[in-house]
Every structure is written in C-alpha cells, then in structure tokens.
Amino acid sequence: MHLDVHHLRDFYYRSQLGRAAQKGVRDRVIERWGDTRGLTLVGYGFGVPLLRPFLGRAERVIGLMPGPQGVMNWPADGANHSVLCDEARWPLANDSVDRLVVMHGLETSDMPLALLDEMHRVLAPQGRALFVVPSRNGLWARSDRTPFGFGRPYSRGQIERLLGEAGFACTSHAAALFFPPSSRRFWLRSARALEKVGRKWAPERLGGVLMVEAMRRDMVTPRGLKVVERKPLRVLEGIPVSGAQPAWRKEPFLRSPAGDKYHVFVQGA
C-alpha cells in the first residue's frame, strides 16, 4: 500500500518532525556518497528529500515516483526533476544509474522482487543502491504518525536476504533516527544530539530506520543443462547382443524329434 504523495509532502516539508527526520537520514546519505560530480543519481518512492543537496553537483538527478503514490513537482523552486513511473517499468536505460536511493518504495510495494529486478537492470555495474526501510525493532515502525509506520518493516537479516535473492550484494549497513517519533519540543530540540550519540554509541537496533547499501551482483547463467552420465540399467543382461534380431524378424519354425526344422506357415501371412 503506497502512501499518497500529498501526505508525504506534508510530513517532510510542512512538519517539524518531518524536517528533523529528513535531516537525520539525509546526513547519513551525504556521508556515504560524498562527491557525486559526473554521476547520475536517482531516488525512488519518495527519495527526493534526500537528493536536494546533490542538485547542481551531480550530472543528473531524477526522482521516480510510483503510480499508486502519485507525483509532485520537485523541486518547487526550480526545473522539475520528478517523473511518474510504473513500479516495474522505469523510463531509464540499462546500466544508467550510478547512485540509487530508495525510501518509502520497497516496504510499500506489492511486488518487491519485480521492483528489485528493475533496480538491478538500471543500476550500473559499479553503481551503489541505498535502501532506507523502517526497522522492525525501532520505535518509528510502531507509530502511524509518520510514513515509516506503514508497509512492511524489516530486520537487518530480512532485508539482506531479500536483496540477495534479487541479485544484490550488501556492502554496508547503518541506522538512523535514534530520537523518538514525537512532535514534542523537547525531543525535536534534542534530535540532532541524539543522532550523533546514536551513530557512535547506540546499537543499530535502536534506530528507527535501517540503511543498507548494496551493489549489483551479476550472475552468469549457464547455457543449457549439465549432462550427468549415469550407469544404464541392465534390463536385458544375459541376452547376447551381437547378431541378435528382434523376435518379429525371426522366421518361425518347429523342430522335429530328429532335429529337422519345419517351417510354420501362418495363414494370411
């Protein structure tokens, strides 16, 4: 079940809690990707809040939004970079994406494996994909006040197993949103400090979201099936093979007591 794009826009751009969550996750993305000059960056689901710092730096920035969610113009103060697309048919060429970030796209998808196959197709051989999903053990997945409370939350083992089935190799993982999903002023003021402490000291399971980075793993498909030589069954073992003829080719005869052969003629033959 995809969330409506207007609900996501209101949370991330019109609420203090959404802005704090946006900053908490975006800072981790910037730390991991660093310099993106000359690269093509794509965000799927509602990944556009994480791509804003890369506008004007990367060669190309695209925000893909699934049809059931809807699309909005992004950024609001510049040329549009967002595209409405089918979940399993992206308007991108093979091996054309250098960096891919997925947020509010995988956990709400009805066809996660088909979606991952499409990501595998467009990602470059040396490209990197970053999946931001709600943590099953975190507080954010237990509250429906935020978009992370919808869809399927994942544990680290579950998301890595799913990515492995789709042909991805997980290279690193992290967590974010160590402050509670509360709009109270105290927690909002403490959000930045709690994020710094959480990254350095807190266990990963206490984070509200999991961030798993993966690369495409190209699998070579063997041509044809492997032939395994097996020992044949000796059904006719004991019967001479050389010179033998089928029974229907043998000429029928009878043998007399003296040893003479008498041909038997079958009427109508």
C-alpha atoms as a PDB file:
ATOM      1  CA  MET A   1       0.000   0.000   0.000  1.00  0.00           C
ATOM      2  CA  HIS A   2       1.613   3.221  -1.173  1.00  0.00           C
ATOM      3  CA  LEU A   3       1.079   6.440   0.709  1.00  0.00           C
ATOM      4  CA  ASP A   4      -0.333   9.461  -1.076  1.00  0.00           C
ATOM      5  CA  VAL A   5       2.270  11.917  -2.307  1.00  0.00           C
ATOM      6  CA  HIS A   6       0.491  14.798  -0.590  1.00  0.00           C
ATOM      7  CA  HIS A   7       0.737  13.047   2.765  1.00  0.00           C
ATOM      8  CA  LEU A   8       4.466  12.526   2.247  1.00  0.00           C
ATOM      9  CA  ARG A   9       4.952  16.133   1.135  1.00  0.00           C
ATOM     10  CA  ASP A  10       3.123  17.499   4.164  1.00  0.00           C
ATOM     11  CA  PHE A  11       5.164  15.368   6.541  1.00  0.00           C
ATOM     12  CA  TYR A  12       8.631  16.127   5.170  1.00  0.00           C
ATOM     13  CA  TYR A  13       8.156  19.754   4.167  1.00  0.00           C
ATOM     14  CA  ARG A  14       5.438  21.117   6.454  1.00  0.00           C
ATOM     15  CA  SER A  15       6.034  19.495   9.838  1.00  0.00           C
ATOM     16  CA  GLN A  16       8.922  19.945  12.259  1.00  0.00           C
ATOM     17  CA  LEU A  17       9.126  16.209  12.921  1.00  0.00           C
ATOM     18  CA  GLY A  18       9.367  15.503   9.191  1.00  0.00           C
ATOM     19  CA  ARG A  19      12.136  18.059   8.736  1.00  0.00           C
ATOM     20  CA  ALA A  20      14.061  16.526  11.622  1.00  0.00           C
ATOM     21  CA  ALA A  21      13.647  13.050  10.131  1.00  0.00           C
ATOM     22  CA  GLN A  22      14.682  14.328   6.717  1.00  0.00           C
ATOM     23  CA  LYS A  23      17.884  15.789   8.111  1.00  0.00           C
ATOM     24  CA  GLY A  24      18.689  12.696  10.180  1.00  0.00           C
ATOM     25  CA  VAL A  25      18.553  10.389   7.157  1.00  0.00           C
ATOM     26  CA  ARG A  26      19.991  12.835   4.615  1.00  0.00           C
ATOM     27  CA  ASP A  27      23.127  13.453   6.667  1.00  0.00           C
ATOM     28  CA  ARG A  28      23.926   9.732   6.504  1.00  0.00           C
ATOM     29  CA  VAL A  29      23.444   9.720   2.730  1.00  0.00           C
ATOM     30  CA  ILE A  30      25.838  12.638   2.300  1.00  0.00           C
ATOM     31  CA  GLU A  31      28.424  10.889   4.486  1.00  0.00           C
ATOM     32  CA  ARG A  32      28.278   7.769   2.346  1.00  0.00           C
ATOM     33  CA  TRP A  33      28.159   9.245  -1.137  1.00  0.00           C
ATOM     34  CA  GLY A  34      30.371  12.300  -0.780  1.00  0.00           C
ATOM     35  CA  ASP A  35      31.389  13.762  -4.130  1.00  0.00           C
ATOM     36  CA  THR A  36      28.890  12.934  -6.888  1.00  0.00           C
ATOM     37  CA  ARG A  37      30.209  15.072  -9.724  1.00  0.00           C
ATOM     38  CA  GLY A  38      29.647  13.440 -13.098  1.00  0.00           C
ATOM     39  CA  LEU A  39      27.258  10.827 -11.665  1.00  0.00           C
ATOM     40  CA  THR A  40      23.584  10.057 -12.277  1.00  0.00           C
ATOM     41  CA  LEU A  41      21.515   9.983  -9.087  1.00  0.00           C
ATOM     42  CA  VAL A  42      18.012   8.529  -8.879  1.00  0.00           C
ATOM     43  CA  GLY A  43      15.585   8.414  -5.977  1.00  0.00           C
ATOM     44  CA  TYR A  44      12.635   6.036  -5.971  1.00  0.00           C
ATOM     45  CA  GLY A  45       9.477   6.153  -3.843  1.00  0.00           C
ATOM     46  CA  PHE A  46       9.779   9.452  -2.022  1.00  0.00           C
ATOM     47  CA  GLY A  47      13.538   9.822  -2.055  1.00  0.00           C
ATOM     48  CA  VAL A  48      13.581  13.427  -3.268  1.00  0.00           C
ATOM     49  CA  PRO A  49      14.141  14.924   0.231  1.00  0.00           C
ATOM     50  CA  LEU A  50      17.458  13.065   0.309  1.00  0.00           C
ATOM     51  CA  LEU A  51      18.566  14.281  -3.140  1.00  0.00           C
ATOM     52  CA  ARG A  52      18.284  18.024  -2.621  1.00  0.00           C
ATOM     53  CA  PRO A  53      21.973  18.548  -1.628  1.00  0.00           C
ATOM     54  CA  PHE A  54      23.106  16.916  -4.893  1.00  0.00           C
ATOM     55  CA  LEU A  55      21.243  19.280  -7.217  1.00  0.00           C
ATOM     56  CA  GLY A  56      23.785  21.277  -9.174  1.00  0.00           C
ATOM     57  CA  ARG A  57      26.600  18.895  -8.213  1.00  0.00           C
ATOM     58  CA  ALA A  58      25.689  15.608  -9.873  1.00  0.00           C
ATOM     59  CA  GLU A  59      25.406  15.396 -13.630  1.00  0.00           C
ATOM     60  CA  ARG A  60      21.786  14.230 -13.453  1.00  0.00           C
ATOM     61  CA  VAL A  61      19.265  13.944 -10.579  1.00  0.00           C
ATOM     62  CA  ILE A  62      15.935  12.177 -11.113  1.00  0.00           C
ATOM     63  CA  GLY A  63      13.101  11.495  -8.689  1.00  0.00           C
ATOM     64  CA  LEU A  64      10.969   8.493  -9.683  1.00  0.00           C
ATOM     65  CA  MET A  65       7.585   8.224  -8.002  1.00  0.00           C
ATOM     66  CA  PRO A  66       5.330   5.152  -8.373  1.00  0.00           C
ATOM     67  CA  GLY A  67       1.916   5.492  -9.969  1.00  0.00           C
ATOM     68  CA  PRO A  68      -0.182   4.451  -6.913  1.00  0.00           C
ATOM     69  CA  GLN A  69       1.603   7.116  -4.842  1.00  0.00           C
ATOM     70  CA  GLY A  70       1.304   9.983  -7.297  1.00  0.00           C
ATOM     71  CA  VAL A  71       3.811  12.606  -8.344  1.00  0.00           C
ATOM     72  CA  MET A  72       4.533  16.197  -7.452  1.00  0.00           C
ATOM     73  CA  ASN A  73       6.722  18.873  -8.972  1.00  0.00           C
ATOM     74  CA  TRP A  74      10.203  18.777  -7.418  1.00  0.00           C
ATOM     75  CA  PRO A  75      11.992  20.936  -6.556  1.00  0.00           C
ATOM     76  CA  ALA A  76       9.350  23.580  -6.013  1.00  0.00           C
ATOM     77  CA  ASP A  77      11.771  26.441  -6.766  1.00  0.00           C
ATOM     78  CA  GLY A  78      13.349  25.120  -9.951  1.00  0.00           C
ATOM     79  CA  ALA A  79      13.029  22.970 -13.036  1.00  0.00           C
ATOM     80  CA  ASN A  80      11.130  19.742 -12.483  1.00  0.00           C
ATOM     81  CA  HIS A  81      13.200  16.585 -11.819  1.00  0.00           C
ATOM     82  CA  SER A  82      10.401  14.194 -10.806  1.00  0.00           C
ATOM     83  CA  VAL A  83       8.808  11.538 -13.028  1.00  0.00           C
ATOM     84  CA  LEU A  84       5.727   9.364 -12.556  1.00  0.00           C
ATOM     85  CA  CYS A  85       6.550   5.759 -13.426  1.00  0.00           C
ATOM     86  CA  ASP A  86       5.295   2.204 -13.285  1.00  0.00           C
ATOM     87  CA  GLU A  87       6.633   0.213 -10.381  1.00  0.00           C
ATOM     88  CA  ALA A  88       8.379  -2.396 -12.533  1.00  0.00           C
ATOM     89  CA  ARG A  89       8.974  -0.354 -15.715  1.00  0.00           C
ATOM     90  CA  TRP A  90      11.257   2.596 -15.273  1.00  0.00           C
ATOM     91  CA  PRO A  91      11.933   5.067 -18.112  1.00  0.00           C
ATOM     92  CA  LEU A  92      15.688   4.542 -17.748  1.00  0.00           C
ATOM     93  CA  ALA A  93      18.248   2.723 -19.864  1.00  0.00           C
ATOM     94  CA  ASN A  94      20.172  -0.328 -18.735  1.00  0.00           C
ATOM     95  CA  ASP A  95      23.257   0.353 -16.571  1.00  0.00           C
ATOM     96  CA  SER A  96      22.489   4.093 -16.480  1.00  0.00           C
ATOM     97  CA  VAL A  97      22.278   4.837 -12.733  1.00  0.00           C
ATOM     98  CA  ASP A  98      25.374   5.426 -10.588  1.00  0.00           C
ATOM     99  CA  ARG A  99      23.622   6.074  -7.262  1.00  0.00           C
ATOM    100  CA  LEU A 100      20.127   4.927  -6.301  1.00  0.00           C
ATOM    101  CA  VAL A 101      18.325   5.733  -3.058  1.00  0.00           C
ATOM    102  CA  VAL A 102      15.018   4.058  -2.177  1.00  0.00           C
ATOM    103  CA  MET A 103      12.787   5.431   0.565  1.00  0.00           C
ATOM    104  CA  HIS A 104       9.079   4.658   1.044  1.00  0.00           C
ATOM    105  CA  GLY A 105       9.228   2.454  -2.035  1.00  0.00           C
ATOM    106  CA  LEU A 106      10.271  -1.060  -1.092  1.00  0.00           C
ATOM    107  CA  GLU A 107       8.286  -1.608   2.103  1.00  0.00           C
ATOM    108  CA  THR A 108       5.050  -0.406   0.459  1.00  0.00           C
ATOM    109  CA  SER A 109       5.470  -2.330  -2.796  1.00  0.00           C
ATOM    110  CA  ASP A 110       3.093  -5.142  -3.729  1.00  0.00           C
ATOM    111  CA  MET A 111       5.777  -6.696  -5.962  1.00  0.00           C
ATOM    112  CA  PRO A 112       9.108  -6.258  -4.150  1.00  0.00           C
ATOM    113  CA  LEU A 113      11.019  -8.795  -6.253  1.00  0.00           C
ATOM    114  CA  ALA A 114       9.804  -7.299  -9.549  1.00  0.00           C
ATOM    115  CA  LEU A 115      10.763  -3.851  -8.251  1.00  0.00           C
ATOM    116  CA  LEU A 116      14.230  -5.070  -7.265  1.00  0.00           C
ATOM    117  CA  ASP A 117      14.681  -6.666 -10.685  1.00  0.00           C
ATOM    118  CA  GLU A 118      14.058  -3.301 -12.293  1.00  0.00           C
ATOM    119  CA  MET A 119      16.567  -1.659  -9.967  1.00  0.00           C
ATOM    120  CA  HIS A 120      19.078  -4.358 -10.877  1.00  0.00           C
ATOM    121  CA  ARG A 121      18.548  -3.585 -14.559  1.00  0.00           C
ATOM    122  CA  VAL A 122      19.148   0.170 -14.397  1.00  0.00           C
ATOM    123  CA  LEU A 123      21.997   0.151 -11.859  1.00  0.00           C
ATOM    124  CA  ALA A 124      25.493   0.413 -13.331  1.00  0.00           C
ATOM    125  CA  PRO A 125      27.949  -2.445 -12.679  1.00  0.00           C
ATOM    126  CA  GLN A 126      29.906  -0.278 -10.216  1.00  0.00           C
ATOM    127  CA  GLY A 127      26.847   1.645  -9.012  1.00  0.00           C
ATOM    128  CA  ARG A 128      25.528   1.638  -5.484  1.00  0.00           C
ATOM    129  CA  ALA A 129      21.963   1.419  -4.188  1.00  0.00           C
ATOM    130  CA  LEU A 130      20.938   2.623  -0.723  1.00  0.00           C
ATOM    131  CA  PHE A 131      17.741   1.187   0.766  1.00  0.00           C
ATOM    132  CA  VAL A 132      16.104   3.115   3.603  1.00  0.00           C
ATOM    133  CA  VAL A 133      13.470   0.937   5.288  1.00  0.00           C
ATOM    134  CA  PRO A 134      11.677   1.009   8.655  1.00  0.00           C
ATOM    135  CA  SER A 135      13.445  -1.037  11.308  1.00  0.00           C
ATOM    136  CA  ARG A 136      11.329  -3.816  12.789  1.00  0.00           C
ATOM    137  CA  ASN A 137      12.834  -3.170  16.213  1.00  0.00           C
ATOM    138  CA  GLY A 138      12.644   0.620  16.106  1.00  0.00           C
ATOM    139  CA  LEU A 139      10.041   2.996  17.511  1.00  0.00           C
ATOM    140  CA  TRP A 140       9.247   4.622  14.172  1.00  0.00           C
ATOM    141  CA  ALA A 141       7.713   1.469  12.701  1.00  0.00           C
ATOM    142  CA  ARG A 142       5.302   1.266  15.653  1.00  0.00           C
ATOM    143  CA  SER A 143       3.761   4.703  15.156  1.00  0.00           C
ATOM    144  CA  ASP A 144       1.381   5.564  12.346  1.00  0.00           C
ATOM    145  CA  ARG A 145       2.063   9.278  12.791  1.00  0.00           C
ATOM    146  CA  THR A 146       4.938   9.052  10.334  1.00  0.00           C
ATOM    147  CA  PRO A 147       5.282   7.388   6.900  1.00  0.00           C
ATOM    148  CA  PHE A 148       7.658   4.823   8.432  1.00  0.00           C
ATOM    149  CA  GLY A 149       4.708   3.307  10.293  1.00  0.00           C
ATOM    150  CA  PHE A 150       3.190   1.978   7.050  1.00  0.00           C
ATOM    151  CA  GLY A 151       4.206  -1.003   4.968  1.00  0.00           C
ATOM    152  CA  ARG A 152       6.459  -3.892   5.967  1.00  0.00           C
ATOM    153  CA  PRO A 153       9.268  -3.148   8.430  1.00  0.00           C
ATOM    154  CA  TYR A 154      12.448  -5.172   8.074  1.00  0.00           C
ATOM    155  CA  SER A 155      15.142  -6.540  10.293  1.00  0.00           C
ATOM    156  CA  ARG A 156      18.685  -6.439   9.018  1.00  0.00           C
ATOM    157  CA  GLY A 157      18.653 -10.148   8.180  1.00  0.00           C
ATOM    158  CA  GLN A 158      15.348  -9.896   6.317  1.00  0.00           C
ATOM    159  CA  ILE A 159      16.359  -7.003   4.072  1.00  0.00           C
ATOM    160  CA  GLU A 160      19.753  -8.533   3.292  1.00  0.00           C
ATOM    161  CA  ARG A 161      18.124 -11.868   2.449  1.00  0.00           C
ATOM    162  CA  LEU A 162      15.630 -10.160   0.131  1.00  0.00           C
ATOM    163  CA  LEU A 163      18.363  -8.210  -1.642  1.00  0.00           C
ATOM    164  CA  GLY A 164      20.424 -11.368  -2.045  1.00  0.00           C
ATOM    165  CA  GLU A 165      17.508 -13.133  -3.748  1.00  0.00           C
ATOM    166  CA  ALA A 166      17.241 -10.227  -6.206  1.00  0.00           C
ATOM    167  CA  GLY A 167      20.919 -10.348  -7.184  1.00  0.00           C
ATOM    168  CA  PHE A 168      22.385  -7.674  -4.924  1.00  0.00           C
ATOM    169  CA  ALA A 169      25.441  -7.954  -2.697  1.00  0.00           C
ATOM    170  CA  CYS A 170      25.159  -5.962   0.535  1.00  0.00           C
ATOM    171  CA  THR A 171      28.319  -3.966   1.216  1.00  0.00           C
ATOM    172  CA  SER A 172      27.486  -1.937   4.332  1.00  0.00           C
ATOM    173  CA  HIS A 173      24.689  -1.056   6.705  1.00  0.00           C
ATOM    174  CA  ALA A 174      23.825   1.661   9.210  1.00  0.00           C
ATOM    175  CA  ALA A 175      20.906   3.078  11.170  1.00  0.00           C
ATOM    176  CA  ALA A 176      19.344   6.499  11.640  1.00  0.00           C
ATOM    177  CA  LEU A 177      16.553   8.257  13.566  1.00  0.00           C
ATOM    178  CA  PHE A 178      17.586   7.466  17.122  1.00  0.00           C
ATOM    179  CA  PHE A 179      15.206  10.061  18.548  1.00  0.00           C
ATOM    180  CA  PRO A 180      11.551   9.093  19.169  1.00  0.00           C
ATOM    181  CA  PRO A 181       8.828   9.956  16.606  1.00  0.00           C
ATOM    182  CA  SER A 182       7.363  12.677  18.789  1.00  0.00           C
ATOM    183  CA  SER A 183       6.414  16.253  17.925  1.00  0.00           C
ATOM    184  CA  ARG A 184       7.129  17.494  21.429  1.00  0.00           C
ATOM    185  CA  ARG A 185       9.514  20.418  21.561  1.00  0.00           C
ATOM    186  CA  PHE A 186      11.971  18.699  23.894  1.00  0.00           C
ATOM    187  CA  TRP A 187      12.564  15.753  21.546  1.00  0.00           C
ATOM    188  CA  LEU A 188      12.770  17.952  18.473  1.00  0.00           C
ATOM    189  CA  ARG A 189      15.416  20.123  20.120  1.00  0.00           C
ATOM    190  CA  SER A 190      17.329  17.020  21.184  1.00  0.00           C
ATOM    191  CA  ALA A 191      17.093  15.276  17.793  1.00  0.00           C
ATOM    192  CA  ARG A 192      20.488  16.403  16.469  1.00  0.00           C
ATOM    193  CA  ALA A 193      22.319  15.482  19.673  1.00  0.00           C
ATOM    194  CA  LEU A 194      20.579  12.106  19.900  1.00  0.00           C
ATOM    195  CA  GLU A 195      21.527  11.328  16.301  1.00  0.00           C
ATOM    196  CA  LYS A 196      25.191  11.992  16.985  1.00  0.00           C
ATOM    197  CA  VAL A 197      25.144   9.853  20.110  1.00  0.00           C
ATOM    198  CA  GLY A 198      23.185   7.092  18.389  1.00  0.00           C
ATOM    199  CA  ARG A 199      25.592   6.829  15.460  1.00  0.00           C
ATOM    200  CA  LYS A 200      28.566   6.494  17.760  1.00  0.00           C
ATOM    201  CA  TRP A 201      27.341   4.532  20.740  1.00  0.00           C
ATOM    202  CA  ALA A 202      23.817   3.152  20.340  1.00  0.00           C
ATOM    203  CA  PRO A 203      23.159  -0.341  18.938  1.00  0.00           C
ATOM    204  CA  GLU A 204      21.836  -0.471  15.407  1.00  0.00           C
ATOM    205  CA  ARG A 205      18.544  -1.997  16.507  1.00  0.00           C
ATOM    206  CA  LEU A 206      17.607   1.207  18.360  1.00  0.00           C
ATOM    207  CA  GLY A 207      17.470   3.226  15.139  1.00  0.00           C
ATOM    208  CA  GLY A 208      14.142   3.999  13.553  1.00  0.00           C
ATOM    209  CA  VAL A 209      15.296   3.111  10.047  1.00  0.00           C
ATOM    210  CA  LEU A 210      17.818   0.738   8.541  1.00  0.00           C
ATOM    211  CA  MET A 211      20.086   1.904   5.733  1.00  0.00           C
ATOM    212  CA  VAL A 212      21.540  -0.944   3.691  1.00  0.00           C
ATOM    213  CA  GLU A 213      23.908  -0.213   0.806  1.00  0.00           C
ATOM    214  CA  ALA A 214      24.251  -2.802  -1.950  1.00  0.00           C
ATOM    215  CA  MET A 215      25.885  -3.334  -5.319  1.00  0.00           C
ATOM    216  CA  ARG A 216      24.683  -5.270  -8.308  1.00  0.00           C
ATOM    217  CA  ARG A 217      25.878  -8.851  -8.434  1.00  0.00           C
ATOM    218  CA  ASP A 218      25.983 -10.128 -11.999  1.00  0.00           C
ATOM    219  CA  MET A 219      25.263 -13.839 -12.177  1.00  0.00           C
ATOM    220  CA  VAL A 220      26.396 -15.864 -15.192  1.00  0.00           C
ATOM    221  CA  THR A 221      23.612 -18.122 -16.376  1.00  0.00           C
ATOM    222  CA  PRO A 222      24.917 -21.450 -17.753  1.00  0.00           C
ATOM    223  CA  ARG A 223      23.872 -22.287 -21.292  1.00  0.00           C
ATOM    224  CA  GLY A 224      21.824 -25.475 -21.272  1.00  0.00           C
ATOM    225  CA  LEU A 225      21.636 -28.145 -18.632  1.00  0.00           C
ATOM    226  CA  LYS A 226      24.576 -30.074 -17.309  1.00  0.00           C
ATOM    227  CA  VAL A 227      24.628 -33.668 -18.553  1.00  0.00           C
ATOM    228  CA  VAL A 228      25.255 -36.186 -15.819  1.00  0.00           C
ATOM    229  CA  GLU A 229      26.381 -39.618 -17.018  1.00  0.00           C
ATOM    230  CA  ARG A 230      24.565 -42.350 -15.205  1.00  0.00           C
ATOM    231  CA  LYS A 231      25.095 -46.101 -15.210  1.00  0.00           C
ATOM    232  CA  PRO A 232      22.448 -47.611 -17.509  1.00  0.00           C
ATOM    233  CA  LEU A 233      20.071 -50.233 -16.230  1.00  0.00           C
ATOM    234  CA  ARG A 234      20.916 -53.754 -17.446  1.00  0.00           C
ATOM    235  CA  VAL A 235      17.389 -54.860 -18.229  1.00  0.00           C
ATOM    236  CA  LEU A 236      18.416 -57.334 -20.937  1.00  0.00           C
ATOM    237  CA  GLU A 237      21.522 -58.552 -19.176  1.00  0.00           C
ATOM    238  CA  GLY A 238      22.359 -62.158 -20.149  1.00  0.00           C
ATOM    239  CA  ILE A 239      20.890 -61.957 -23.662  1.00  0.00           C
ATOM    240  CA  PRO A 240      23.517 -61.896 -26.473  1.00  0.00           C
ATOM    241  CA  VAL A 241      23.504 -58.638 -28.345  1.00  0.00           C
ATOM    242  CA  SER A 242      25.739 -59.247 -31.388  1.00  0.00           C
ATOM    243  CA  GLY A 243      23.797 -60.711 -34.285  1.00  0.00           C
ATOM    244  CA  ALA A 244      20.583 -60.759 -32.351  1.00  0.00           C
ATOM    245  CA  GLN A 245      17.372 -59.880 -34.137  1.00  0.00           C
ATOM    246  CA  PRO A 246      14.002 -58.871 -32.811  1.00  0.00           C
ATOM    247  CA  ALA A 247      11.541 -61.661 -32.389  1.00  0.00           C
ATOM    248  CA  TRP A 248       9.278 -60.302 -35.107  1.00  0.00           C
ATOM    249  CA  ARG A 249      12.105 -60.577 -37.679  1.00  0.00           C
ATOM    250  CA  LYS A 250      12.900 -64.247 -36.914  1.00  0.00           C
ATOM    251  CA  GLU A 251      11.414 -66.865 -39.226  1.00  0.00           C
ATOM    252  CA  PRO A 252       9.155 -69.169 -37.145  1.00  0.00           C
ATOM    253  CA  PHE A 253       9.930 -72.887 -37.306  1.00  0.00           C
ATOM    254  CA  LEU A 254       9.379 -76.110 -35.421  1.00  0.00           C
ATOM    255  CA  ARG A 255      11.986 -78.737 -34.666  1.00  0.00           C
ATOM    256  CA  SER A 256      11.151 -82.438 -35.112  1.00  0.00           C
ATOM    257  CA  PRO A 257      12.412 -85.118 -32.732  1.00  0.00           C
ATOM    258  CA  ALA A 258      15.081 -85.975 -35.328  1.00  0.00           C
ATOM    259  CA  GLY A 259      16.361 -82.418 -35.321  1.00  0.00           C
ATOM    260  CA  ASP A 260      14.892 -81.310 -38.663  1.00  0.00           C
ATOM    261  CA  LYS A 261      13.358 -77.877 -38.970  1.00  0.00           C
ATOM    262  CA  TYR A 262       9.851 -77.485 -40.304  1.00  0.00           C
ATOM    263  CA  HIS A 263       8.684 -74.017 -41.264  1.00  0.00           C
ATOM    264  CA  VAL A 264       5.351 -72.962 -39.940  1.00  0.00           C
ATOM    265  CA  PHE A 265       3.286 -71.031 -42.416  1.00  0.00           C
ATOM    266  CA  VAL A 266       0.691 -68.796 -40.885  1.00  0.00           C
ATOM    267  CA  GLN A 267      -2.429 -68.441 -42.904  1.00  0.00           C
ATOM    268  CA  GLY A 268      -2.856 -64.974 -44.345  1.00  0.00           C
ATOM    269  CA  ALA A 269       0.819 -64.089 -43.841  1.00  0.00           C
END
